[in-house]
Amino acid sequence: MIEKILKNADLKMKKTVEALSKELAGIRTGRASPALVEHIKVDYYDTVTPIIQLASISVPDPRTIMIQPWDRNIIQSIEKALLKSELGLNPNSDGNAIRISIPTLTEERRKELIKVVHKRLEESRISIRNIRRETIDELKQSEKNKEISQDQDIRATEQLQKLTDSYIDAVNHVGKEKEAEILEV
């Protein structure tokens, strides 16, 4: 019973950290990365579809992203989607592929991005703490229903706290890595 409750909490916390990592991958640094554009949605024959499903995305050099759509007719749609995105990127098309040059970041823009990263980190920490609170409530309910003893509840709560601390450390580690990546010149 307790193992099942703790395993469920562990799984939820792990998913929170994974979601944070994916979200931070989409934050632009001075380097080109397919993760910057693969989530952008394109209107493909009246169906909103992520670019990753419509084209191959490659990084020929550290400052360029190249998008080669499998259907040449959607190049303009992809360009429009890139221009509408909040990334501030300028796509250049040659009729067969789209090239995006990643400009270097200014110091001011780096600081703004770090603030965004810190906001996302705090949201993830709050999410992990909410999972802990929900799990503690579940353990208390199990104790109240006489499914587990008070001692088992206390031990499980201590285990849960260690688990929570480890995932908050993981969130902090992901944040430090992203911050270092943003500050890298």
Protein backbone atom coordinates (compact mmCIF):
# COMPACT_ATOMS: atom_id res chain seq x y z
CA MET A 1 0.00 0.00 0.00
CA ILE A 2 2.65 2.49 1.10
CA GLU A 3 5.01 1.42 -1.70
CA LYS A 4 2.26 2.01 -4.25
CA ILE A 5 1.52 5.51 -2.90
CA LEU A 6 5.23 6.46 -2.83
CA LYS A 7 5.85 4.98 -6.28
CA ASN A 8 2.97 7.04 -7.67
CA ALA A 9 4.43 10.21 -6.09
CA ASP A 10 7.88 9.33 -7.49
CA LEU A 11 6.43 8.90 -10.98
CA LYS A 12 4.58 12.24 -10.85
CA MET A 13 7.69 14.08 -9.60
CA LYS A 14 9.82 12.46 -12.30
CA LYS A 15 7.35 13.61 -14.97
CA THR A 16 7.51 17.15 -13.55
CA VAL A 17 11.30 17.23 -13.94
CA GLU A 18 11.06 15.78 -17.48
CA ALA A 19 8.48 18.39 -18.46
CA LEU A 20 10.74 21.12 -17.09
CA SER A 21 13.69 19.82 -19.12
CA LYS A 22 11.61 19.81 -22.32
CA GLU A 23 10.27 23.29 -21.62
CA LEU A 24 13.73 24.71 -20.94
CA ALA A 25 15.07 23.14 -24.15
CA GLY A 26 12.75 25.48 -26.03
CA ILE A 27 14.29 28.58 -24.46
CA ARG A 28 16.69 30.13 -26.92
CA THR A 29 20.36 30.33 -26.13
CA GLY A 30 23.10 31.60 -28.42
CA ARG A 31 23.38 28.11 -29.93
CA ALA A 32 21.20 26.48 -32.57
CA SER A 33 19.16 23.49 -31.41
CA PRO A 34 16.33 21.58 -33.09
CA ALA A 35 14.42 21.78 -29.78
CA LEU A 36 13.96 25.51 -30.40
CA VAL A 37 11.58 25.00 -33.30
CA GLU A 38 10.29 21.41 -33.24
CA HIS A 39 7.29 22.26 -31.03
CA ILE A 40 6.09 25.19 -33.21
CA LYS A 41 2.69 24.48 -34.73
CA VAL A 42 2.08 24.91 -38.46
CA ASP A 43 -1.24 25.11 -40.28
CA TYR A 44 -0.93 22.09 -42.59
CA TYR A 45 -4.02 21.74 -44.79
CA ASP A 46 -6.29 23.10 -42.03
CA THR A 47 -4.68 20.88 -39.39
CA VAL A 48 -2.39 22.36 -36.75
CA THR A 49 0.72 20.15 -36.71
CA PRO A 50 4.15 20.48 -35.02
CA ILE A 51 7.05 21.17 -37.41
CA ILE A 52 8.81 17.98 -36.24
CA GLN A 53 6.04 15.95 -37.95
CA LEU A 54 6.31 17.87 -41.23
CA ALA A 55 10.04 18.23 -41.81
CA SER A 56 13.52 17.13 -40.87
CA ILE A 57 15.29 19.60 -38.60
CA SER A 58 19.07 19.72 -38.58
CA VAL A 59 21.85 21.93 -37.25
CA PRO A 60 24.54 22.27 -39.97
CA ASP A 61 26.60 24.66 -37.83
CA PRO A 62 26.34 26.10 -34.27
CA ARG A 63 24.42 29.21 -35.41
CA THR A 64 22.07 27.75 -38.05
CA ILE A 65 18.96 25.58 -37.98
CA MET A 66 17.86 24.01 -41.25
CA ILE A 67 14.30 22.79 -41.81
CA GLN A 68 13.65 20.59 -44.83
CA PRO A 69 9.90 19.94 -45.26
CA TRP A 70 8.87 16.68 -46.86
CA ASP A 71 6.13 18.55 -48.74
CA ARG A 72 7.60 21.61 -50.51
CA ASN A 73 4.11 23.23 -50.63
CA ILE A 74 4.19 24.01 -46.91
CA ILE A 75 7.38 26.08 -46.84
CA GLN A 76 5.39 29.34 -46.65
CA SER A 77 3.20 27.96 -43.84
CA ILE A 78 6.29 27.00 -41.85
CA GLU A 79 7.81 30.46 -42.41
CA LYS A 80 4.59 32.12 -41.18
CA ALA A 81 4.54 29.90 -38.07
CA LEU A 82 8.19 30.73 -37.31
CA LEU A 83 7.55 34.46 -37.68
CA LYS A 84 4.48 34.25 -35.39
CA SER A 85 6.39 32.35 -32.70
CA GLU A 86 7.77 34.26 -29.74
CA LEU A 87 11.33 33.22 -30.56
CA GLY A 88 12.13 36.28 -32.67
CA LEU A 89 13.68 34.24 -35.47
CA ASN A 90 14.00 35.24 -39.13
CA PRO A 91 13.54 32.30 -41.52
CA ASN A 92 15.14 32.38 -44.99
CA SER A 93 13.78 30.06 -47.68
CA ASP A 94 15.47 28.92 -50.88
CA GLY A 95 12.42 26.99 -52.12
CA ASN A 96 13.67 23.62 -50.88
CA ALA A 97 14.64 24.34 -47.27
CA ILE A 98 14.36 27.00 -44.61
CA ARG A 99 17.48 28.28 -42.87
CA ILE A 100 17.32 30.13 -39.58
CA SER A 101 20.34 32.05 -38.35
CA ILE A 102 20.52 32.29 -34.56
CA PRO A 103 21.79 35.73 -33.57
CA THR A 104 24.05 36.12 -30.56
CA LEU A 105 22.27 37.14 -27.38
CA THR A 106 22.78 40.54 -25.79
CA GLU A 107 23.56 40.73 -22.07
CA GLU A 108 20.12 42.24 -21.43
CA ARG A 109 18.36 39.42 -23.28
CA ARG A 110 20.40 36.82 -21.36
CA LYS A 111 19.20 38.32 -18.07
CA GLU A 112 15.59 38.24 -19.27
CA LEU A 113 15.95 34.58 -20.27
CA ILE A 114 17.45 33.73 -16.87
CA LYS A 115 14.42 35.33 -15.20
CA VAL A 116 12.16 33.15 -17.36
CA VAL A 117 14.20 30.06 -16.38
CA HIS A 118 13.92 30.95 -12.67
CA LYS A 119 10.15 31.37 -13.04
CA ARG A 120 9.84 27.93 -14.67
CA LEU A 121 12.04 26.40 -11.95
CA GLU A 122 9.86 27.84 -9.19
CA GLU A 123 6.72 26.55 -10.94
CA SER A 124 8.27 23.07 -11.03
CA ARG A 125 9.27 23.23 -7.35
CA ILE A 126 5.71 24.24 -6.45
CA SER A 127 4.37 21.36 -8.52
CA ILE A 128 6.64 18.90 -6.69
CA ARG A 129 5.58 20.30 -3.31
CA ASN A 130 1.93 19.95 -4.32
CA ILE A 131 2.54 16.30 -5.21
CA ARG A 132 4.11 15.85 -1.76
CA ARG A 133 1.10 17.47 -0.07
CA GLU A 134 -1.35 15.30 -2.01
CA THR A 135 0.63 12.17 -1.12
CA ILE A 136 0.73 13.12 2.58
CA ASP A 137 -3.05 13.59 2.45
CA GLU A 138 -3.37 10.16 0.85
CA LEU A 139 -1.19 8.61 3.59
CA LYS A 140 -3.23 10.33 6.33
CA GLN A 141 -6.42 9.02 4.77
CA SER A 142 -4.96 5.49 4.71
CA GLU A 143 -4.07 5.82 8.38
CA LYS A 144 -7.56 7.13 9.16
CA ASN A 145 -9.07 4.15 7.33
CA LYS A 146 -6.86 1.83 9.43
CA GLU A 147 -5.06 0.57 6.29
CA ILE A 148 -1.65 1.58 7.73
CA SER A 149 -0.41 2.28 11.26
CA GLN A 150 0.70 5.64 12.61
CA ASP A 151 4.34 4.48 12.63
CA GLN A 152 4.08 3.41 9.00
CA ASP A 153 2.59 6.80 8.15
CA ILE A 154 5.48 8.61 9.86
CA ARG A 155 8.12 6.47 8.11
CA ALA A 156 6.40 6.89 4.74
CA THR A 157 6.21 10.66 5.25
CA GLU A 158 9.95 10.74 5.99
CA GLN A 159 10.64 8.71 2.82
CA LEU A 160 8.41 11.08 0.88
CA GLN A 161 10.33 14.09 2.17
CA LYS A 162 13.64 12.54 1.05
CA LEU A 163 12.10 11.85 -2.34
CA THR A 164 10.81 15.42 -2.58
CA ASP A 165 14.22 16.84 -1.63
CA SER A 166 15.94 14.72 -4.30
CA TYR A 167 13.56 15.94 -7.02
CA ILE A 168 13.87 19.57 -5.95
CA ASP A 169 17.66 19.10 -6.18
CA ALA A 170 17.15 17.67 -9.68
CA VAL A 171 15.08 20.74 -10.66
CA ASN A 172 17.81 23.03 -9.30
CA HIS A 173 20.46 21.07 -11.24
CA VAL A 174 18.50 21.36 -14.51
CA GLY A 175 18.13 25.10 -13.84
CA LYS A 176 21.85 25.63 -13.17
CA GLU A 177 22.73 23.82 -16.40
CA LYS A 178 20.32 25.97 -18.43
CA GLU A 179 21.55 29.14 -16.74
CA ALA A 180 25.17 28.24 -17.56
CA GLU A 181 24.13 27.52 -21.16
CA ILE A 182 22.44 30.93 -21.45
CA LEU A 183 25.39 32.79 -19.93
CA GLU A 184 27.88 30.96 -22.17
CA VAL A 185 29.24 33.37 -24.78
